[in-house]
PDB file of N, CA and C in Angstrom:
ATOM      1  N   MET A   1      87.569 -38.809  99.891  1.00  0.00           N
ATOM      2  CA  MET A   1      88.124 -38.417 101.181  1.00  0.00           C
ATOM      3  C   MET A   1      88.002 -36.905 101.324  1.00  0.00           C
ATOM      4  N   GLN A   2      87.409 -36.469 102.403  1.00  0.00           N
ATOM      5  CA  GLN A   2      87.325 -35.045 102.708  1.00  0.00           C
ATOM      6  C   GLN A   2      88.639 -34.598 103.352  1.00  0.00           C
ATOM      7  N   VAL A   3      89.041 -33.396 103.071  1.00  0.00           N
ATOM      8  CA  VAL A   3      90.260 -32.846 103.650  1.00  0.00           C
ATOM      9  C   VAL A   3      89.896 -32.057 104.893  1.00  0.00           C
ATOM     10  N   ASN A   4      90.350 -32.528 106.029  1.00  0.00           N
ATOM     11  CA  ASN A   4      90.186 -31.815 107.286  1.00  0.00           C
ATOM     12  C   ASN A   4      91.351 -30.831 107.373  1.00  0.00           C
ATOM     13  N   GLU A   5      91.053 -29.555 107.342  1.00  0.00           N
ATOM     14  CA  GLU A   5      92.109 -28.543 107.282  1.00  0.00           C
ATOM     15  C   GLU A   5      93.033 -28.595 108.489  1.00  0.00           C
ATOM     16  N   ARG A   6      92.469 -28.802 109.673  1.00  0.00           N
ATOM     17  CA  ARG A   6      93.306 -28.847 110.884  1.00  0.00           C
ATOM     18  C   ARG A   6      94.260 -30.036 110.845  1.00  0.00           C
ATOM     19  N   GLU A   7      93.735 -31.202 110.519  1.00  0.00           N
ATOM     20  CA  GLU A   7      94.566 -32.406 110.448  1.00  0.00           C
ATOM     21  C   GLU A   7      95.637 -32.263 109.364  1.00  0.00           C
ATOM     22  N   THR A   8      95.251 -31.711 108.233  1.00  0.00           N
ATOM     23  CA  THR A   8      96.193 -31.512 107.138  1.00  0.00           C
ATOM     24  C   THR A   8      97.286 -30.535 107.542  1.00  0.00           C
ATOM     25  N   ALA A   9      96.927 -29.481 108.250  1.00  0.00           N
ATOM     26  CA  ALA A   9      97.928 -28.509 108.709  1.00  0.00           C
ATOM     27  C   ALA A   9      98.920 -29.163 109.670  1.00  0.00           C
ATOM     28  N   LEU A  10      98.446 -30.043 110.552  1.00  0.00           N
ATOM     29  CA  LEU A  10      99.345 -30.749 111.469  1.00  0.00           C
ATOM     30  C   LEU A  10     100.322 -31.637 110.708  1.00  0.00           C
ATOM     31  N   ILE A  11      99.820 -32.290 109.678  1.00  0.00           N
ATOM     32  CA  ILE A  11     100.682 -33.158 108.870  1.00  0.00           C
ATOM     33  C   ILE A  11     101.755 -32.330 108.167  1.00  0.00           C
ATOM     34  N   PHE A  12     101.339 -31.239 107.513  1.00  0.00           N
ATOM     35  CA  PHE A  12     102.312 -30.429 106.799  1.00  0.00           C
ATOM     36  C   PHE A  12     103.281 -29.735 107.756  1.00  0.00           C
ATOM     37  N   LYS A  13     102.830 -29.378 108.926  1.00  0.00           N
ATOM     38  CA  LYS A  13     103.722 -28.770 109.923  1.00  0.00           C
ATOM     39  C   LYS A  13     104.842 -29.742 110.276  1.00  0.00           C
ATOM     40  N   ALA A  14     104.512 -31.031 110.337  1.00  0.00           N
ATOM     41  CA  ALA A  14     105.516 -32.044 110.674  1.00  0.00           C
ATOM     42  C   ALA A  14     106.644 -32.083 109.651  1.00  0.00           C
ATOM     43  N   PHE A  15     106.338 -31.753 108.399  1.00  0.00           N
ATOM     44  CA  PHE A  15     107.321 -31.859 107.332  1.00  0.00           C
ATOM     45  C   PHE A  15     107.952 -30.527 106.932  1.00  0.00           C
ATOM     46  N   CYS A  16     107.680 -29.452 107.679  1.00  0.00           N
ATOM     47  CA  CYS A  16     108.181 -28.138 107.247  1.00  0.00           C
ATOM     48  C   CYS A  16     109.408 -27.681 108.033  1.00  0.00           C
ATOM     49  N   ASP A  17     110.151 -28.627 108.592  1.00  0.00           N
ATOM     50  CA  ASP A  17     111.366 -28.276 109.327  1.00  0.00           C
ATOM     51  C   ASP A  17     112.452 -29.282 108.957  1.00  0.00           C
ATOM     52  N   GLU A  18     113.654 -28.788 108.707  1.00  0.00           N
ATOM     53  CA  GLU A  18     114.760 -29.660 108.298  1.00  0.00           C
ATOM     54  C   GLU A  18     115.067 -30.733 109.334  1.00  0.00           C
ATOM     55  N   ASN A  19     115.048 -30.372 110.613  1.00  0.00           N
ATOM     56  CA  ASN A  19     115.337 -31.370 111.649  1.00  0.00           C
ATOM     57  C   ASN A  19     114.277 -32.469 111.674  1.00  0.00           C
ATOM     58  N   ARG A  20     113.019 -32.095 111.487  1.00  0.00           N
ATOM     59  CA  ARG A  20     111.962 -33.110 111.492  1.00  0.00           C
ATOM     60  C   ARG A  20     112.080 -34.019 110.269  1.00  0.00           C
ATOM     61  N   ILE A  21     112.485 -33.465 109.143  1.00  0.00           N
ATOM     62  CA  ILE A  21     112.735 -34.295 107.960  1.00  0.00           C
ATOM     63  C   ILE A  21     113.872 -35.270 108.259  1.00  0.00           C
ATOM     64  N   ARG A  22     114.924 -34.794 108.884  1.00  0.00           N
ATOM     65  CA  ARG A  22     116.054 -35.673 109.244  1.00  0.00           C
ATOM     66  C   ARG A  22     115.596 -36.771 110.199  1.00  0.00           C
ATOM     67  N   ILE A  23     114.735 -36.430 111.157  1.00  0.00           N
ATOM     68  CA  ILE A  23     114.230 -37.435 112.102  1.00  0.00           C
ATOM     69  C   ILE A  23     113.446 -38.512 111.357  1.00  0.00           C
ATOM     70  N   VAL A  24     112.554 -38.108 110.473  1.00  0.00           N
ATOM     71  CA  VAL A  24     111.771 -39.088 109.713  1.00  0.00           C
ATOM     72  C   VAL A  24     112.703 -39.967 108.884  1.00  0.00           C
ATOM     73  N   LYS A  25     113.716 -39.374 108.277  1.00  0.00           N
ATOM     74  CA  LYS A  25     114.673 -40.167 107.505  1.00  0.00           C
ATOM     75  C   LYS A  25     115.393 -41.176 108.392  1.00  0.00           C
ATOM     76  N   LEU A  26     115.758 -40.768 109.592  1.00  0.00           N
ATOM     77  CA  LEU A  26     116.419 -41.692 110.526  1.00  0.00           C
ATOM     78  C   LEU A  26     115.485 -42.830 110.936  1.00  0.00           C
ATOM     79  N   LEU A  27     114.203 -42.519 111.076  1.00  0.00           N
ATOM     80  CA  LEU A  27     113.241 -43.534 111.504  1.00  0.00           C
ATOM     81  C   LEU A  27     112.876 -44.511 110.389  1.00  0.00           C
ATOM     82  N   ARG A  28     113.245 -44.215 109.166  1.00  0.00           N
ATOM     83  CA  ARG A  28     112.941 -45.121 108.060  1.00  0.00           C
ATOM     84  C   ARG A  28     113.599 -46.482 108.250  1.00  0.00           C
ATOM     85  N   SER A  29     114.715 -46.527 108.971  1.00  0.00           N
ATOM     86  CA  SER A  29     115.400 -47.807 109.185  1.00  0.00           C
ATOM     87  C   SER A  29     114.855 -48.560 110.400  1.00  0.00           C
ATOM     88  N   GLY A  30     113.841 -48.001 111.060  1.00  0.00           N
ATOM     89  CA  GLY A  30     113.227 -48.678 112.205  1.00  0.00           C
ATOM     90  C   GLY A  30     113.187 -47.802 113.436  1.00  0.00           C
ATOM     91  N   GLU A  31     112.622 -48.362 114.492  1.00  0.00           N
ATOM     92  CA  GLU A  31     112.444 -47.640 115.751  1.00  0.00           C
ATOM     93  C   GLU A  31     113.780 -47.148 116.293  1.00  0.00           C
ATOM     94  N   LYS A  32     113.753 -45.931 116.837  1.00  0.00           N
ATOM     95  CA  LYS A  32     114.952 -45.333 117.432  1.00  0.00           C
ATOM     96  C   LYS A  32     114.620 -44.764 118.804  1.00  0.00           C
ATOM     97  N   CYS A  33     115.543 -44.940 119.704  1.00  0.00           N
ATOM     98  CA  CYS A  33     115.445 -44.342 121.034  1.00  0.00           C
ATOM     99  C   CYS A  33     115.729 -42.845 120.918  1.00  0.00           C
ATOM    100  N   GLY A  34     115.080 -42.067 121.764  1.00  0.00           N
ATOM    101  CA  GLY A  34     115.328 -40.634 121.789  1.00  0.00           C
ATOM    102  C   GLY A  34     116.799 -40.309 121.988  1.00  0.00           C
ATOM    103  N   CYS A  35     117.500 -41.133 122.774  1.00  0.00           N
ATOM    104  CA  CYS A  35     118.929 -40.888 123.006  1.00  0.00           C
ATOM    105  C   CYS A  35     119.725 -41.013 121.707  1.00  0.00           C
ATOM    106  N   ARG A  36     119.343 -41.954 120.860  1.00  0.00           N
ATOM    107  CA  ARG A  36     120.027 -42.128 119.565  1.00  0.00           C
ATOM    108  C   ARG A  36     119.739 -40.926 118.650  1.00  0.00           C
ATOM    109  N   LEU A  37     118.497 -40.457 118.665  1.00  0.00           N
ATOM    110  CA  LEU A  37     118.151 -39.291 117.855  1.00  0.00           C
ATOM    111  C   LEU A  37     118.923 -38.068 118.323  1.00  0.00           C
ATOM    112  N   LEU A  38     119.075 -37.934 119.641  1.00  0.00           N
ATOM    113  CA  LEU A  38     119.855 -36.810 120.184  1.00  0.00           C
ATOM    114  C   LEU A  38     121.276 -36.828 119.652  1.00  0.00           C
ATOM    115  N   GLU A  39     121.887 -38.008 119.628  1.00  0.00           N
ATOM    116  CA  GLU A  39     123.259 -38.135 119.136  1.00  0.00           C
ATOM    117  C   GLU A  39     123.355 -37.781 117.655  1.00  0.00           C
ATOM    118  N   GLU A  40     122.403 -38.234 116.881  1.00  0.00           N
ATOM    119  CA  GLU A  40     122.433 -38.030 115.435  1.00  0.00           C
ATOM    120  C   GLU A  40     122.176 -36.575 115.042  1.00  0.00           C
ATOM    121  N   LEU A  41     121.337 -35.884 115.798  1.00  0.00           N
ATOM    122  CA  LEU A  41     120.914 -34.540 115.414  1.00  0.00           C
ATOM    123  C   LEU A  41     121.754 -33.433 116.035  1.00  0.00           C
ATOM    124  N   SER A  42     122.423 -33.715 117.112  1.00  0.00           N
ATOM    125  CA  SER A  42     123.179 -32.687 117.830  1.00  0.00           C
ATOM    126  C   SER A  42     122.299 -31.502 118.213  1.00  0.00           C
ATOM    127  N   VAL A  43     121.140 -31.811 118.803  1.00  0.00           N
ATOM    128  CA  VAL A  43     120.249 -30.787 119.344  1.00  0.00           C
ATOM    129  C   VAL A  43     120.075 -31.055 120.830  1.00  0.00           C
ATOM    130  N   SER A  44     119.507 -30.092 121.533  1.00  0.00           N
ATOM    131  CA  SER A  44     119.261 -30.286 122.960  1.00  0.00           C
ATOM    132  C   SER A  44     118.047 -31.192 123.159  1.00  0.00           C
ATOM    133  N   GLN A  45     117.924 -31.745 124.343  1.00  0.00           N
ATOM    134  CA  GLN A  45     116.798 -32.635 124.650  1.00  0.00           C
ATOM    135  C   GLN A  45     115.461 -31.896 124.543  1.00  0.00           C
ATOM    136  N   PRO A  46     115.354 -30.653 125.062  1.00  0.00           N
ATOM    137  CA  PRO A  46     114.082 -29.931 124.901  1.00  0.00           C
ATOM    138  C   PRO A  46     113.728 -29.672 123.431  1.00  0.00           C
ATOM    139  N   THR A  47     114.742 -29.399 122.602  1.00  0.00           N
ATOM    140  CA  THR A  47     114.488 -29.189 121.175  1.00  0.00           C
ATOM    141  C   THR A  47     114.000 -30.470 120.528  1.00  0.00           C
ATOM    142  N   LEU A  48     114.628 -31.599 120.859  1.00  0.00           N
ATOM    143  CA  LEU A  48     114.180 -32.880 120.316  1.00  0.00           C
ATOM    144  C   LEU A  48     112.747 -33.157 120.756  1.00  0.00           C
ATOM    145  N   SER A  49     112.441 -32.912 122.017  1.00  0.00           N
ATOM    146  CA  SER A  49     111.079 -33.140 122.516  1.00  0.00           C
ATOM    147  C   SER A  49     110.060 -32.304 121.741  1.00  0.00           C
ATOM    148  N   HIS A  50     110.423 -31.071 121.452  1.00  0.00           N
ATOM    149  CA  HIS A  50     109.539 -30.189 120.677  1.00  0.00           C
ATOM    150  C   HIS A  50     109.266 -30.794 119.291  1.00  0.00           C
ATOM    151  N   HIS A  51     110.323 -31.210 118.617  1.00  0.00           N
ATOM    152  CA  HIS A  51     110.161 -31.800 117.284  1.00  0.00           C
ATOM    153  C   HIS A  51     109.350 -33.100 117.336  1.00  0.00           C
ATOM    154  N   MET A  52     109.610 -33.915 118.344  1.00  0.00           N
ATOM    155  CA  MET A  52     108.909 -35.198 118.433  1.00  0.00           C
ATOM    156  C   MET A  52     107.428 -34.988 118.743  1.00  0.00           C
ATOM    157  N   LYS A  53     107.096 -33.974 119.523  1.00  0.00           N
ATOM    158  CA  LYS A  53     105.688 -33.691 119.800  1.00  0.00           C
ATOM    159  C   LYS A  53     104.964 -33.329 118.513  1.00  0.00           C
ATOM    160  N   ILE A  54     105.578 -32.505 117.691  1.00  0.00           N
ATOM    161  CA  ILE A  54     104.966 -32.104 116.430  1.00  0.00           C
ATOM    162  C   ILE A  54     104.799 -33.318 115.509  1.00  0.00           C
ATOM    163  N   LEU A  55     105.830 -34.159 115.430  1.00  0.00           N
ATOM    164  CA  LEU A  55     105.737 -35.359 114.589  1.00  0.00           C
ATOM    165  C   LEU A  55     104.667 -36.315 115.097  1.00  0.00           C
ATOM    166  N   CYS A  56     104.595 -36.494 116.407  1.00  0.00           N
ATOM    167  CA  CYS A  56     103.585 -37.391 116.979  1.00  0.00           C
ATOM    168  C   CYS A  56     102.181 -36.809 116.844  1.00  0.00           C
ATOM    169  N   ASP A  57     102.032 -35.505 117.028  1.00  0.00           N
ATOM    170  CA  ASP A  57     100.722 -34.864 116.857  1.00  0.00           C
ATOM    171  C   ASP A  57     100.193 -35.030 115.436  1.00  0.00           C
ATOM    172  N   SER A  58     101.098 -35.118 114.479  1.00  0.00           N
ATOM    173  CA  SER A  58     100.687 -35.293 113.080  1.00  0.00           C
ATOM    174  C   SER A  58     100.201 -36.708 112.807  1.00  0.00           C
ATOM    175  N   GLY A  59     100.590 -37.649 113.665  1.00  0.00           N
ATOM    176  CA  GLY A  59     100.231 -39.045 113.460  1.00  0.00           C
ATOM    177  C   GLY A  59     101.226 -39.802 112.604  1.00  0.00           C
ATOM    178  N   VAL A  60     102.200 -39.119 112.025  1.00  0.00           N
ATOM    179  CA  VAL A  60     103.183 -39.765 111.169  1.00  0.00           C
ATOM    180  C   VAL A  60     104.177 -40.583 111.993  1.00  0.00           C
ATOM    181  N   VAL A  61     104.436 -40.137 113.209  1.00  0.00           N
ATOM    182  CA  VAL A  61     105.362 -40.829 114.115  1.00  0.00           C
ATOM    183  C   VAL A  61     104.609 -41.197 115.389  1.00  0.00           C
ATOM    184  N   VAL A  62     104.950 -42.354 115.947  1.00  0.00           N
ATOM    185  CA  VAL A  62     104.395 -42.773 117.232  1.00  0.00           C
ATOM    186  C   VAL A  62     105.553 -43.009 118.195  1.00  0.00           C
ATOM    187  N   GLY A  63     105.273 -42.824 119.479  1.00  0.00           N
ATOM    188  CA  GLY A  63     106.282 -43.036 120.502  1.00  0.00           C
ATOM    189  C   GLY A  63     105.787 -43.985 121.566  1.00  0.00           C
ATOM    190  N   ARG A  64     106.718 -44.699 122.160  1.00  0.00           N
ATOM    191  CA  ARG A  64     106.387 -45.559 123.297  1.00  0.00           C
ATOM    192  C   ARG A  64     107.484 -45.393 124.337  1.00  0.00           C
ATOM    193  N   LYS A  65     107.060 -45.369 125.593  1.00  0.00           N
ATOM    194  CA  LYS A  65     108.001 -45.157 126.685  1.00  0.00           C
ATOM    195  C   LYS A  65     108.557 -46.497 127.145  1.00  0.00           C
ATOM    196  N   GLU A  66     109.866 -46.534 127.326  1.00  0.00           N
ATOM    197  CA  GLU A  66     110.535 -47.714 127.873  1.00  0.00           C
ATOM    198  C   GLU A  66     111.568 -47.211 128.873  1.00  0.00           C
ATOM    199  N   GLY A  67     111.287 -47.439 130.151  1.00  0.00           N
ATOM    200  CA  GLY A  67     112.155 -46.883 131.187  1.00  0.00           C
ATOM    201  C   GLY A  67     112.074 -45.373 131.156  1.00  0.00           C
ATOM    202  N   LYS A  68     113.229 -44.716 131.133  1.00  0.00           N
ATOM    203  CA  LYS A  68     113.216 -43.248 131.106  1.00  0.00           C
ATOM    204  C   LYS A  68     113.253 -42.689 129.691  1.00  0.00           C
ATOM    205  N   TRP A  69     113.368 -43.546 128.683  1.00  0.00           N
ATOM    206  CA  TRP A  69     113.489 -43.089 127.311  1.00  0.00           C
ATOM    207  C   TRP A  69     112.244 -43.367 126.499  1.00  0.00           C
ATOM    208  N   MET A  70     112.041 -42.514 125.504  1.00  0.00           N
ATOM    209  CA  MET A  70     110.991 -42.730 124.518  1.00  0.00           C
ATOM    210  C   MET A  70     111.629 -43.364 123.291  1.00  0.00           C
ATOM    211  N   HIS A  71     110.875 -44.261 122.689  1.00  0.00           N
ATOM    212  CA  HIS A  71     111.297 -44.901 121.441  1.00  0.00           C
ATOM    213  C   HIS A  71     110.291 -44.506 120.369  1.00  0.00           C
ATOM    214  N   TYR A  72     110.789 -44.091 119.216  1.00  0.00           N
ATOM    215  CA  TYR A  72     109.936 -43.544 118.167  1.00  0.00           C
ATOM    216  C   TYR A  72     110.035 -44.374 116.896  1.00  0.00           C
ATOM    217  N   SER A  73     108.933 -44.413 116.177  1.00  0.00           N
ATOM    218  CA  SER A  73     108.909 -45.103 114.888  1.00  0.00           C
ATOM    219  C   SER A  73     107.875 -44.430 113.988  1.00  0.00           C
ATOM    220  N   ILE A  74     108.009 -44.699 112.703  1.00  0.00           N
ATOM    221  CA  ILE A  74     107.034 -44.189 111.733  1.00  0.00           C
ATOM    222  C   ILE A  74     105.768 -45.022 111.848  1.00  0.00           C
ATOM    223  N   SER A  75     104.636 -44.365 111.874  1.00  0.00           N
ATOM    224  CA  SER A  75     103.343 -45.043 111.893  1.00  0.00           C
ATOM    225  C   SER A  75     102.927 -45.317 110.453  1.00  0.00           C
ATOM    226  N   PRO A  76     102.805 -46.585 110.048  1.00  0.00           N
ATOM    227  CA  PRO A  76     102.361 -46.865 108.672  1.00  0.00           C
ATOM    228  C   PRO A  76     100.995 -46.239 108.372  1.00  0.00           C
ATOM    229  N   GLU A  77     100.101 -46.263 109.346  1.00  0.00           N
ATOM    230  CA  GLU A  77      98.776 -45.667 109.147  1.00  0.00           C
ATOM    231  C   GLU A  77      98.878 -44.154 108.998  1.00  0.00           C
ATOM    232  N   GLY A  78      99.703 -43.529 109.838  1.00  0.00           N
ATOM    233  CA  GLY A  78      99.883 -42.081 109.776  1.00  0.00           C
ATOM    234  C   GLY A  78     100.556 -41.650 108.477  1.00  0.00           C
ATOM    235  N   ALA A  79     101.537 -42.427 108.028  1.00  0.00           N
ATOM    236  CA  ALA A  79     102.207 -42.114 106.773  1.00  0.00           C
ATOM    237  C   ALA A  79     101.229 -42.237 105.599  1.00  0.00           C
ATOM    238  N   ALA A  80     100.394 -43.269 105.628  1.00  0.00           N
ATOM    239  CA  ALA A  80      99.400 -43.458 104.561  1.00  0.00           C
ATOM    240  C   ALA A  80      98.389 -42.318 104.570  1.00  0.00           C
ATOM    241  N   ARG A  81      97.973 -41.864 105.756  1.00  0.00           N
ATOM    242  CA  ARG A  81      97.026 -40.754 105.864  1.00  0.00           C
ATOM    243  C   ARG A  81      97.653 -39.467 105.309  1.00  0.00           C
ATOM    244  N   ALA A  82      98.944 -39.241 105.607  1.00  0.00           N
ATOM    245  CA  ALA A  82      99.635 -38.060 105.098  1.00  0.00           C
ATOM    246  C   ALA A  82      99.696 -38.097 103.572  1.00  0.00           C
ATOM    247  N   LEU A  83      99.975 -39.254 103.024  1.00  0.00           N
ATOM    248  CA  LEU A  83     100.023 -39.394 101.572  1.00  0.00           C
ATOM    249  C   LEU A  83      98.653 -39.129 100.947  1.00  0.00           C
ATOM    250  N   ARG A  84      97.602 -39.691 101.544  1.00  0.00           N
ATOM    251  CA  ARG A  84      96.245 -39.459 101.028  1.00  0.00           C
ATOM    252  C   ARG A  84      95.873 -37.988 101.086  1.00  0.00           C
ATOM    253  N   CYS A  85      96.222 -37.319 102.185  1.00  0.00           N
ATOM    254  CA  CYS A  85      95.923 -35.885 102.309  1.00  0.00           C
ATOM    255  C   CYS A  85      96.586 -35.102 101.187  1.00  0.00           C
ATOM    256  N   LEU A  86      97.846 -35.390 100.916  1.00  0.00           N
ATOM    257  CA  LEU A  86      98.549 -34.686  99.851  1.00  0.00           C
ATOM    258  C   LEU A  86      97.915 -34.979  98.497  1.00  0.00           C
ATOM    259  N   GLN A  87      97.561 -36.235  98.260  1.00  0.00           N
ATOM    260  CA  GLN A  87      96.945 -36.593  96.981  1.00  0.00           C
ATOM    261  C   GLN A  87      95.596 -35.894  96.795  1.00  0.00           C
ATOM    262  N   VAL A  88      94.769 -35.907  97.823  1.00  0.00           N
ATOM    263  CA  VAL A  88      93.451 -35.281  97.725  1.00  0.00           C
ATOM    264  C   VAL A  88      93.589 -33.773  97.575  1.00  0.00           C
ATOM    265  N   LEU A  89      94.478 -33.197  98.345  1.00  0.00           N
ATOM    266  CA  LEU A  89      94.645 -31.749  98.333  1.00  0.00           C
ATOM    267  C   LEU A  89      95.157 -31.236  96.993  1.00  0.00           C
ATOM    268  N   THR A  90      95.962 -32.034  96.312  1.00  0.00           N
ATOM    269  CA  THR A  90      96.562 -31.576  95.060  1.00  0.00           C
ATOM    270  C   THR A  90      95.879 -32.132  93.816  1.00  0.00           C
ATOM    271  N   ALA A  91      94.831 -32.923  93.989  1.00  0.00           N
ATOM    272  CA  ALA A  91      94.111 -33.464  92.837  1.00  0.00           C
ATOM    273  C   ALA A  91      93.332 -32.345  92.154  1.00  0.00           C
ATOM    274  N   LEU A  92      93.385 -32.323  90.864  1.00  0.00           N
ATOM    275  CA  LEU A  92      92.646 -31.320  90.109  1.00  0.00           C
ATOM    276  C   LEU A  92      91.161 -31.642  90.172  1.00  0.00           C
ATOM    277  N   ASP A  93      90.360 -30.620  90.389  1.00  0.00           N
ATOM    278  CA  ASP A  93      88.909 -30.778  90.440  1.00  0.00           C
ATOM    279  C   ASP A  93      88.363 -30.450  89.062  1.00  0.00           C
ATOM    280  N   GLU A  94      88.057 -31.483  88.305  1.00  0.00           N
ATOM    281  CA  GLU A  94      87.609 -31.285  86.929  1.00  0.00           C
ATOM    282  C   GLU A  94      86.186 -30.760  86.847  1.00  0.00           C
ATOM    283  N   ASN A  95      85.466 -30.781  87.967  1.00  0.00           N
ATOM    284  CA  ASN A  95      84.098 -30.273  87.992  1.00  0.00           C
ATOM    285  C   ASN A  95      84.041 -28.807  88.383  1.00  0.00           C
ATOM    286  N   GLN A  96      85.181 -28.219  88.661  1.00  0.00           N
ATOM    287  CA  GLN A  96      85.218 -26.832  89.101  1.00  0.00           C
ATOM    288  C   GLN A  96      84.785 -25.921  87.964  1.00  0.00           C
ATOM    289  N   THR A  97      83.809 -25.067  88.261  1.00  0.00           N
ATOM    290  CA  THR A  97      83.302 -24.160  87.239  1.00  0.00           C
ATOM    291  C   THR A  97      83.880 -22.751  87.390  1.00  0.00           C
ATOM    292  N   GLU A  98      84.444 -22.455  88.529  1.00  0.00           N
ATOM    293  CA  GLU A  98      85.008 -21.126  88.775  1.00  0.00           C
ATOM    294  C   GLU A  98      86.359 -21.021  88.102  1.00  0.00           C
ATOM    295  N   THR A  99      86.628 -19.903  87.470  1.00  0.00           N
ATOM    296  CA  THR A  99      87.921 -19.690  86.834  1.00  0.00           C
ATOM    297  C   THR A  99      88.849 -19.040  87.845  1.00  0.00           C
ATOM    298  N   PRO A 100      90.157 -19.176  87.639  1.00  0.00           N
ATOM    299  CA  PRO A 100      91.119 -18.562  88.567  1.00  0.00           C
ATOM    300  C   PRO A 100      90.882 -17.067  88.706  1.00  0.00           C
ATOM    301  N   CYS A 101      91.030 -16.538  89.876  1.00  0.00           N
ATOM    302  CA  CYS A 101      90.937 -15.118  90.202  1.00  0.00           C
ATOM    303  C   CYS A 101      89.549 -14.555  89.898  1.00  0.00           C
ATOM    304  N   GLY A 102      88.549 -15.409  89.772  1.00  0.00           N
ATOM    305  CA  GLY A 102      87.181 -14.939  89.566  1.00  0.00           C
ATOM    306  C   GLY A 102      86.930 -14.377  88.177  1.00  0.00           C
ATOM    307  N   ASP A 103      87.852 -14.575  87.218  1.00  0.00           N
ATOM    308  CA  ASP A 103      87.661 -14.058  85.849  1.00  0.00           C
ATOM    309  C   ASP A 103      86.559 -14.812  85.126  1.00  0.00           C
TER     310      ASP A 103
END
């Protein structure tokens, strides 16, 4: 698997904020309406929208509109892609001939 730097950055951006981590943890129990997330997080609606856009852009979370509310859930495919990116990015390259710091 090749690491696409832009896609990987979007994934890591999704996980680099405490509120977004809390949102993902809340979604582990299943789909949640934006109104429920608002109650749980005690943030403003624009702030929640900002966090949800970042999570959805990463592919880890998906949203669907129902009436005036959005409902969010973890994307199994997006979560698997995030895991693969982390595994590939942190795997040691045993064929690397360059030494650290160019020594």
